[in-house]
């Protein structure tokens, strides 16, 4: 189960972080913010993209949107969102629960600077009802992410 791979990831790498499991859905930014009682920007959404032949993950503030020009300049090609079946194959997490934790294979992860507007962010934790709270810098450090500026504004 996807949530289990995330739980195991945190047990190994950050035992002080425990995923929060809610009865309400956290599948969308709006639902997650409502369920967690935080601003929509604090929801750290994870986008699964294909850039050229490479599949990558970009984590950004929930209110952020990809800027195609910045993304092309940063990655060298125009990004394409992966279809749900490829997201599941790449991450083992269903759409609505995608996060950079507990992945079945190495994937390059990038954190957008939009996350740094918040002291704490809440990425999903492997399914549509779970999340974790951590600082943007800790998120990036735990998954070996590179910081980029690919959001609009």
N, C-alpha and C. Protein backbone atom coordinates (compact mmCIF):
# COMPACT_ATOMS: atom_id res chain seq x y z
N UNK A 1 0.84 -1.19 0.00
CA UNK A 1 0.00 0.00 0.00
C UNK A 1 0.88 1.25 0.00
N UNK A 2 0.46 2.25 -0.71
CA UNK A 2 1.25 3.46 -0.88
C UNK A 2 1.52 4.19 0.43
N UNK A 3 0.50 4.32 1.27
CA UNK A 3 0.69 4.99 2.55
C UNK A 3 1.74 4.26 3.38
N UNK A 4 1.79 2.94 3.26
CA UNK A 4 2.76 2.15 4.00
C UNK A 4 4.19 2.45 3.56
N UNK A 5 4.42 2.67 2.27
CA UNK A 5 5.77 2.99 1.80
C UNK A 5 6.21 4.36 2.33
N UNK A 6 5.27 5.27 2.46
CA UNK A 6 5.57 6.60 3.01
C UNK A 6 5.87 6.48 4.51
N UNK A 7 5.05 5.72 5.22
CA UNK A 7 5.30 5.51 6.66
C UNK A 7 6.67 4.89 6.88
N UNK A 8 7.02 3.89 6.07
CA UNK A 8 8.33 3.23 6.19
C UNK A 8 9.46 4.21 5.87
N UNK A 9 9.25 5.09 4.88
CA UNK A 9 10.25 6.10 4.54
C UNK A 9 10.54 6.98 5.75
N UNK A 10 9.49 7.47 6.42
CA UNK A 10 9.70 8.35 7.57
C UNK A 10 10.26 7.60 8.77
N UNK A 11 9.89 6.36 8.97
CA UNK A 11 10.48 5.58 10.05
C UNK A 11 12.00 5.46 9.88
N UNK A 12 12.44 5.32 8.63
CA UNK A 12 13.87 5.18 8.34
C UNK A 12 14.62 6.50 8.36
N UNK A 13 14.02 7.55 7.77
CA UNK A 13 14.76 8.79 7.53
C UNK A 13 14.40 9.95 8.46
N UNK A 14 13.24 9.92 9.06
CA UNK A 14 12.80 11.02 9.93
C UNK A 14 11.73 10.50 10.89
N UNK A 15 12.14 9.69 11.87
CA UNK A 15 11.15 9.07 12.75
C UNK A 15 10.31 10.06 13.56
N UNK A 16 10.73 11.31 13.63
CA UNK A 16 9.94 12.32 14.34
C UNK A 16 8.74 12.79 13.52
N UNK A 17 8.68 12.45 12.25
CA UNK A 17 7.57 12.86 11.38
C UNK A 17 6.62 11.68 11.22
N UNK A 18 5.38 11.88 11.59
CA UNK A 18 4.37 10.84 11.49
C UNK A 18 3.24 11.34 10.60
N UNK A 19 2.92 10.61 9.53
CA UNK A 19 1.81 11.04 8.68
C UNK A 19 0.50 11.16 9.45
N UNK A 20 -0.28 12.16 9.10
CA UNK A 20 -1.59 12.40 9.67
C UNK A 20 -2.61 11.76 8.72
N UNK A 21 -3.46 10.91 9.25
CA UNK A 21 -4.51 10.27 8.45
C UNK A 21 -5.84 10.88 8.86
N UNK A 22 -6.55 11.41 7.89
CA UNK A 22 -7.81 12.10 8.15
C UNK A 22 -8.99 11.31 7.58
N UNK A 23 -10.17 11.59 8.09
CA UNK A 23 -11.36 10.98 7.50
C UNK A 23 -11.79 11.75 6.27
N UNK A 24 -11.50 13.05 6.23
CA UNK A 24 -11.82 13.87 5.07
C UNK A 24 -10.76 13.70 3.99
N UNK A 25 -11.16 13.86 2.76
CA UNK A 25 -10.24 13.75 1.63
C UNK A 25 -9.26 14.92 1.62
N UNK A 26 -8.03 14.62 1.24
CA UNK A 26 -7.02 15.66 1.02
C UNK A 26 -6.53 15.58 -0.43
N UNK A 27 -7.37 15.04 -1.31
CA UNK A 27 -6.97 14.78 -2.70
C UNK A 27 -6.73 16.04 -3.52
N UNK A 28 -7.43 17.12 -3.21
CA UNK A 28 -7.20 18.37 -3.93
C UNK A 28 -6.61 19.39 -2.96
N UNK A 29 -6.03 20.43 -3.50
CA UNK A 29 -5.47 21.48 -2.66
C UNK A 29 -6.54 22.07 -1.75
N UNK A 30 -7.70 22.37 -2.30
CA UNK A 30 -8.78 22.98 -1.51
C UNK A 30 -9.25 22.02 -0.40
N UNK A 31 -9.43 20.74 -0.74
CA UNK A 31 -9.86 19.77 0.26
C UNK A 31 -8.81 19.60 1.36
N UNK A 32 -7.56 19.53 0.97
CA UNK A 32 -6.49 19.36 1.95
C UNK A 32 -6.41 20.56 2.89
N UNK A 33 -6.46 21.76 2.33
CA UNK A 33 -6.38 22.96 3.16
C UNK A 33 -7.55 23.01 4.15
N UNK A 34 -8.73 22.67 3.66
CA UNK A 34 -9.92 22.66 4.52
C UNK A 34 -9.77 21.61 5.63
N UNK A 35 -9.37 20.41 5.26
CA UNK A 35 -9.26 19.32 6.24
C UNK A 35 -8.18 19.59 7.29
N UNK A 36 -7.09 20.23 6.87
CA UNK A 36 -5.96 20.47 7.77
C UNK A 36 -6.04 21.82 8.48
N UNK A 37 -6.93 22.69 8.02
CA UNK A 37 -7.07 24.01 8.64
C UNK A 37 -5.90 24.93 8.35
N UNK A 38 -5.39 24.86 7.12
CA UNK A 38 -4.25 25.69 6.73
C UNK A 38 -4.58 26.44 5.44
N UNK A 39 -3.69 27.34 5.03
CA UNK A 39 -3.85 28.06 3.78
C UNK A 39 -3.60 27.12 2.60
N UNK A 40 -4.26 27.36 1.48
CA UNK A 40 -4.07 26.53 0.30
C UNK A 40 -2.62 26.52 -0.16
N UNK A 41 -1.93 27.63 -0.02
CA UNK A 41 -0.52 27.69 -0.42
C UNK A 41 0.36 26.76 0.38
N UNK A 42 -0.05 26.41 1.61
CA UNK A 42 0.75 25.52 2.45
C UNK A 42 0.66 24.05 2.03
N UNK A 43 -0.29 23.74 1.17
CA UNK A 43 -0.37 22.38 0.64
C UNK A 43 0.72 22.23 -0.42
N UNK A 44 1.65 21.35 -0.17
CA UNK A 44 2.77 21.14 -1.09
C UNK A 44 2.36 20.09 -2.12
N UNK A 45 1.88 20.56 -3.26
CA UNK A 45 1.42 19.62 -4.28
C UNK A 45 2.61 19.10 -5.07
N UNK A 46 2.52 17.82 -5.43
CA UNK A 46 3.59 17.17 -6.18
C UNK A 46 3.08 16.88 -7.58
N UNK A 47 3.76 17.45 -8.55
CA UNK A 47 3.41 17.25 -9.96
C UNK A 47 4.35 16.23 -10.57
N UNK A 48 3.79 15.25 -11.26
CA UNK A 48 4.60 14.26 -11.98
C UNK A 48 4.62 14.68 -13.44
N UNK A 49 5.82 14.96 -13.92
CA UNK A 49 5.99 15.52 -15.26
C UNK A 49 6.92 14.68 -16.11
N UNK A 50 6.74 14.81 -17.40
CA UNK A 50 7.71 14.26 -18.35
C UNK A 50 8.32 15.45 -19.08
N UNK A 51 9.63 15.54 -19.01
CA UNK A 51 10.37 16.61 -19.68
C UNK A 51 11.36 15.91 -20.61
N UNK A 52 11.12 16.03 -21.90
CA UNK A 52 11.92 15.24 -22.84
C UNK A 52 11.58 13.78 -22.60
N UNK A 53 12.58 12.97 -22.32
CA UNK A 53 12.37 11.55 -22.02
C UNK A 53 12.40 11.25 -20.53
N UNK A 54 12.67 12.26 -19.71
CA UNK A 54 12.80 12.03 -18.26
C UNK A 54 11.50 12.33 -17.53
N UNK A 55 11.17 11.47 -16.58
CA UNK A 55 10.04 11.70 -15.69
C UNK A 55 10.58 12.24 -14.37
N UNK A 56 9.99 13.34 -13.91
CA UNK A 56 10.46 14.03 -12.71
C UNK A 56 9.26 14.39 -11.82
N UNK A 57 9.57 14.78 -10.59
CA UNK A 57 8.56 15.31 -9.68
C UNK A 57 8.92 16.74 -9.33
N UNK A 58 7.93 17.60 -9.34
CA UNK A 58 8.10 18.99 -8.92
C UNK A 58 7.12 19.24 -7.79
N UNK A 59 7.63 19.68 -6.65
CA UNK A 59 6.79 19.99 -5.49
C UNK A 59 6.70 21.50 -5.39
N UNK A 60 5.49 22.02 -5.32
CA UNK A 60 5.30 23.47 -5.27
C UNK A 60 4.14 23.83 -4.36
N UNK A 61 4.04 25.10 -4.03
CA UNK A 61 2.94 25.59 -3.20
C UNK A 61 1.62 25.27 -3.87
N UNK A 62 0.62 24.96 -3.06
CA UNK A 62 -0.68 24.57 -3.58
C UNK A 62 -1.33 25.58 -4.49
N UNK A 63 -1.04 26.84 -4.29
CA UNK A 63 -1.63 27.88 -5.13
C UNK A 63 -0.77 28.17 -6.36
N UNK A 64 0.38 27.53 -6.46
CA UNK A 64 1.28 27.78 -7.59
C UNK A 64 0.82 27.11 -8.86
N UNK A 65 1.27 27.66 -9.96
CA UNK A 65 1.03 27.09 -11.29
C UNK A 65 2.35 27.08 -12.03
N UNK A 66 2.57 26.05 -12.81
CA UNK A 66 3.80 25.99 -13.59
C UNK A 66 3.85 27.10 -14.62
N UNK A 67 5.00 27.70 -14.74
CA UNK A 67 5.26 28.67 -15.79
C UNK A 67 6.00 27.91 -16.90
N UNK A 68 5.36 27.77 -18.06
CA UNK A 68 5.95 26.96 -19.12
C UNK A 68 7.31 27.49 -19.58
N UNK A 69 7.47 28.79 -19.64
CA UNK A 69 8.75 29.36 -20.07
C UNK A 69 9.86 29.04 -19.06
N UNK A 70 9.57 29.28 -17.77
CA UNK A 70 10.57 28.98 -16.74
C UNK A 70 10.91 27.49 -16.71
N UNK A 71 9.87 26.66 -16.86
CA UNK A 71 10.10 25.22 -16.82
C UNK A 71 10.95 24.79 -18.01
N UNK A 72 10.67 25.31 -19.19
CA UNK A 72 11.47 24.98 -20.37
C UNK A 72 12.90 25.48 -20.21
N UNK A 73 13.06 26.70 -19.69
CA UNK A 73 14.40 27.24 -19.48
C UNK A 73 15.17 26.42 -18.44
N UNK A 74 14.48 25.97 -17.40
CA UNK A 74 15.13 25.21 -16.32
C UNK A 74 15.48 23.79 -16.75
N UNK A 75 14.54 23.12 -17.42
CA UNK A 75 14.72 21.70 -17.73
C UNK A 75 15.10 21.42 -19.18
N UNK A 76 15.07 22.44 -20.02
CA UNK A 76 15.49 22.26 -21.40
C UNK A 76 14.43 21.77 -22.36
N UNK A 77 13.21 21.62 -21.89
CA UNK A 77 12.12 21.15 -22.74
C UNK A 77 10.80 21.51 -22.07
N UNK A 78 9.73 21.45 -22.84
CA UNK A 78 8.41 21.77 -22.31
C UNK A 78 7.90 20.60 -21.45
N UNK A 79 7.34 20.90 -20.28
CA UNK A 79 6.83 19.83 -19.42
C UNK A 79 5.48 19.30 -19.89
N UNK A 80 5.26 18.03 -19.65
CA UNK A 80 3.97 17.40 -19.92
C UNK A 80 3.56 16.65 -18.66
N UNK A 81 2.31 16.84 -18.25
CA UNK A 81 1.80 16.11 -17.08
C UNK A 81 1.69 14.63 -17.45
N UNK A 82 2.08 13.77 -16.53
CA UNK A 82 1.94 12.34 -16.75
C UNK A 82 0.49 11.91 -16.55
N UNK A 83 0.01 10.96 -17.34
CA UNK A 83 -1.33 10.42 -17.08
C UNK A 83 -1.35 9.63 -15.77
N UNK A 84 -2.53 9.47 -15.20
CA UNK A 84 -2.68 8.86 -13.88
C UNK A 84 -2.02 7.49 -13.78
N UNK A 85 -2.11 6.66 -14.81
CA UNK A 85 -1.52 5.32 -14.74
C UNK A 85 0.00 5.39 -14.66
N UNK A 86 0.61 6.35 -15.36
CA UNK A 86 2.06 6.51 -15.30
C UNK A 86 2.50 7.12 -13.96
N UNK A 87 1.68 7.99 -13.40
CA UNK A 87 1.98 8.55 -12.08
C UNK A 87 2.02 7.42 -11.05
N UNK A 88 1.03 6.56 -11.09
CA UNK A 88 0.96 5.43 -10.16
C UNK A 88 2.16 4.50 -10.35
N UNK A 89 2.52 4.21 -11.58
CA UNK A 89 3.67 3.34 -11.86
C UNK A 89 4.97 3.97 -11.38
N UNK A 90 5.12 5.27 -11.58
CA UNK A 90 6.35 5.97 -11.20
C UNK A 90 6.50 6.11 -9.69
N UNK A 91 5.40 6.44 -9.01
CA UNK A 91 5.49 6.80 -7.59
C UNK A 91 4.90 5.77 -6.63
N UNK A 92 4.04 4.92 -7.11
CA UNK A 92 3.23 3.98 -6.34
C UNK A 92 2.11 4.70 -5.58
N UNK A 93 1.94 5.99 -5.81
CA UNK A 93 0.91 6.77 -5.15
C UNK A 93 -0.18 7.16 -6.16
N UNK A 94 -1.45 7.06 -5.77
CA UNK A 94 -2.52 7.48 -6.68
C UNK A 94 -2.58 9.00 -6.77
N UNK A 95 -3.11 9.49 -7.88
CA UNK A 95 -3.34 10.93 -8.02
C UNK A 95 -4.20 11.37 -6.84
N UNK A 96 -3.81 12.45 -6.21
CA UNK A 96 -4.48 12.93 -5.00
C UNK A 96 -3.69 12.57 -3.75
N UNK A 97 -2.73 11.66 -3.90
CA UNK A 97 -1.87 11.25 -2.78
C UNK A 97 -0.41 11.26 -3.17
N UNK A 98 -0.11 11.83 -4.34
CA UNK A 98 1.26 11.82 -4.85
C UNK A 98 2.17 12.68 -3.98
N UNK A 99 3.32 12.13 -3.66
CA UNK A 99 4.32 12.83 -2.85
C UNK A 99 5.69 12.28 -3.23
N UNK A 100 6.76 12.94 -2.80
CA UNK A 100 8.10 12.47 -3.15
C UNK A 100 8.69 11.47 -2.16
N UNK A 101 7.87 10.92 -1.27
CA UNK A 101 8.35 10.00 -0.24
C UNK A 101 7.96 8.56 -0.56
N UNK A 102 8.82 7.62 -0.19
CA UNK A 102 8.49 6.20 -0.33
C UNK A 102 8.34 5.74 -1.76
N UNK A 103 9.15 6.29 -2.65
CA UNK A 103 9.06 5.93 -4.07
C UNK A 103 9.70 4.57 -4.33
N UNK A 104 9.15 3.81 -5.28
CA UNK A 104 9.69 2.48 -5.56
C UNK A 104 10.99 2.50 -6.38
N UNK A 105 11.33 3.65 -6.94
CA UNK A 105 12.53 3.78 -7.78
C UNK A 105 13.05 5.21 -7.65
N UNK A 106 14.31 5.42 -7.94
CA UNK A 106 14.85 6.78 -7.88
C UNK A 106 14.20 7.68 -8.94
N UNK A 107 13.81 8.86 -8.51
CA UNK A 107 13.21 9.86 -9.39
C UNK A 107 13.81 11.20 -8.98
N UNK A 108 14.21 12.01 -9.96
CA UNK A 108 14.69 13.34 -9.60
C UNK A 108 13.53 14.18 -9.11
N UNK A 109 13.77 14.85 -7.98
CA UNK A 109 12.74 15.68 -7.35
C UNK A 109 13.25 17.11 -7.30
N UNK A 110 12.35 18.03 -7.60
CA UNK A 110 12.65 19.46 -7.56
C UNK A 110 11.63 20.14 -6.68
N UNK A 111 12.08 21.08 -5.86
CA UNK A 111 11.18 21.89 -5.03
C UNK A 111 11.18 23.30 -5.58
N UNK A 112 9.99 23.80 -5.85
CA UNK A 112 9.86 25.17 -6.33
C UNK A 112 9.98 26.15 -5.17
N UNK A 113 10.58 27.30 -5.46
CA UNK A 113 10.81 28.29 -4.41
C UNK A 113 9.51 28.84 -3.81
N UNK A 114 8.37 28.58 -4.46
CA UNK A 114 7.08 29.03 -3.90
C UNK A 114 6.82 28.42 -2.53
N UNK A 115 7.42 27.27 -2.23
CA UNK A 115 7.25 26.63 -0.92
C UNK A 115 7.86 27.46 0.20
N UNK A 116 8.88 28.22 -0.13
CA UNK A 116 9.61 28.97 0.88
C UNK A 116 8.84 30.16 1.44
N UNK A 117 7.66 30.42 0.91
CA UNK A 117 6.82 31.49 1.44
C UNK A 117 6.16 31.08 2.76
N UNK A 118 6.30 29.79 3.12
CA UNK A 118 5.62 29.25 4.30
C UNK A 118 6.62 28.61 5.26
N UNK A 119 6.35 28.75 6.55
CA UNK A 119 7.19 28.11 7.56
C UNK A 119 7.03 26.59 7.53
N UNK A 120 5.79 26.15 7.37
CA UNK A 120 5.48 24.73 7.30
C UNK A 120 4.64 24.45 6.07
N UNK A 121 4.85 23.29 5.46
CA UNK A 121 4.04 22.87 4.33
C UNK A 121 3.51 21.46 4.59
N UNK A 122 2.49 21.09 3.85
CA UNK A 122 1.80 19.82 4.04
C UNK A 122 1.71 19.05 2.73
N UNK A 123 2.69 18.25 2.38
CA UNK A 123 2.55 17.38 1.21
C UNK A 123 1.67 16.17 1.56
N UNK A 124 1.14 15.54 0.53
CA UNK A 124 0.39 14.30 0.72
C UNK A 124 1.34 13.24 1.27
N UNK A 125 0.76 12.15 1.72
CA UNK A 125 1.57 11.06 2.30
C UNK A 125 1.19 9.71 1.71
N UNK A 126 0.96 9.69 0.40
CA UNK A 126 0.77 8.42 -0.29
C UNK A 126 -0.64 8.01 -0.61
N UNK A 127 -1.63 8.71 -0.08
CA UNK A 127 -3.01 8.41 -0.47
C UNK A 127 -3.85 9.68 -0.31
N UNK A 128 -5.14 9.56 -0.59
CA UNK A 128 -6.02 10.73 -0.64
C UNK A 128 -6.52 11.19 0.72
N UNK A 129 -6.02 10.61 1.79
CA UNK A 129 -6.47 11.00 3.12
C UNK A 129 -5.33 11.23 4.10
N UNK A 130 -4.12 11.34 3.61
CA UNK A 130 -3.00 11.50 4.55
C UNK A 130 -2.06 12.60 4.09
N UNK A 131 -1.35 13.13 5.08
CA UNK A 131 -0.46 14.25 4.83
C UNK A 131 0.61 14.27 5.92
N UNK A 132 1.66 15.03 5.68
CA UNK A 132 2.69 15.24 6.70
C UNK A 132 3.01 16.73 6.76
N UNK A 133 3.46 17.17 7.93
CA UNK A 133 3.83 18.57 8.14
C UNK A 133 5.33 18.65 8.34
N UNK A 134 5.98 19.54 7.57
CA UNK A 134 7.41 19.76 7.73
C UNK A 134 7.79 21.08 7.08
N UNK A 135 9.00 21.54 7.34
CA UNK A 135 9.45 22.78 6.72
C UNK A 135 9.83 22.51 5.27
N UNK A 136 9.77 23.52 4.43
CA UNK A 136 10.18 23.33 3.04
C UNK A 136 11.62 22.83 2.91
N UNK A 137 12.53 23.38 3.72
CA UNK A 137 13.93 22.94 3.62
C UNK A 137 14.10 21.49 4.05
N UNK A 138 13.35 21.06 5.04
CA UNK A 138 13.45 19.67 5.47
C UNK A 138 12.87 18.74 4.40
N UNK A 139 11.78 19.15 3.81
CA UNK A 139 11.20 18.37 2.71
C UNK A 139 12.25 18.15 1.63
N UNK A 140 12.87 19.24 1.18
CA UNK A 140 13.87 19.15 0.11
C UNK A 140 15.05 18.28 0.52
N UNK A 141 15.51 18.44 1.75
CA UNK A 141 16.66 17.66 2.22
C UNK A 141 16.33 16.17 2.28
N UNK A 142 15.15 15.82 2.76
CA UNK A 142 14.78 14.41 2.91
C UNK A 142 14.72 13.67 1.58
N UNK A 143 14.35 14.37 0.52
CA UNK A 143 14.21 13.70 -0.78
C UNK A 143 15.33 14.07 -1.75
N UNK A 144 16.32 14.82 -1.27
CA UNK A 144 17.44 15.20 -2.13
C UNK A 144 17.02 16.08 -3.28
N UNK A 145 16.05 16.96 -3.04
CA UNK A 145 15.52 17.82 -4.09
C UNK A 145 16.43 18.99 -4.38
N UNK A 146 16.39 19.42 -5.61
CA UNK A 146 17.06 20.64 -6.04
C UNK A 146 16.03 21.75 -6.06
N UNK A 147 16.40 22.93 -5.56
CA UNK A 147 15.50 24.08 -5.59
C UNK A 147 15.50 24.71 -6.98
N UNK A 148 14.30 25.03 -7.47
CA UNK A 148 14.13 25.66 -8.77
C UNK A 148 13.07 26.75 -8.68
N UNK A 149 13.02 27.60 -9.68
CA UNK A 149 11.99 28.63 -9.79
C UNK A 149 11.23 28.36 -11.09
N UNK A 150 10.13 27.61 -10.98
CA UNK A 150 9.37 27.25 -12.17
C UNK A 150 7.88 27.61 -12.06
N UNK A 151 7.51 28.37 -11.03
CA UNK A 151 6.11 28.74 -10.87
C UNK A 151 5.86 30.14 -11.41
N UNK A 152 4.61 30.40 -11.75
CA UNK A 152 4.24 31.72 -12.25
C UNK A 152 4.31 32.74 -11.12
N UNK A 153 4.60 33.98 -11.51
CA UNK A 153 4.59 35.06 -10.52
C UNK A 153 5.88 35.28 -9.81
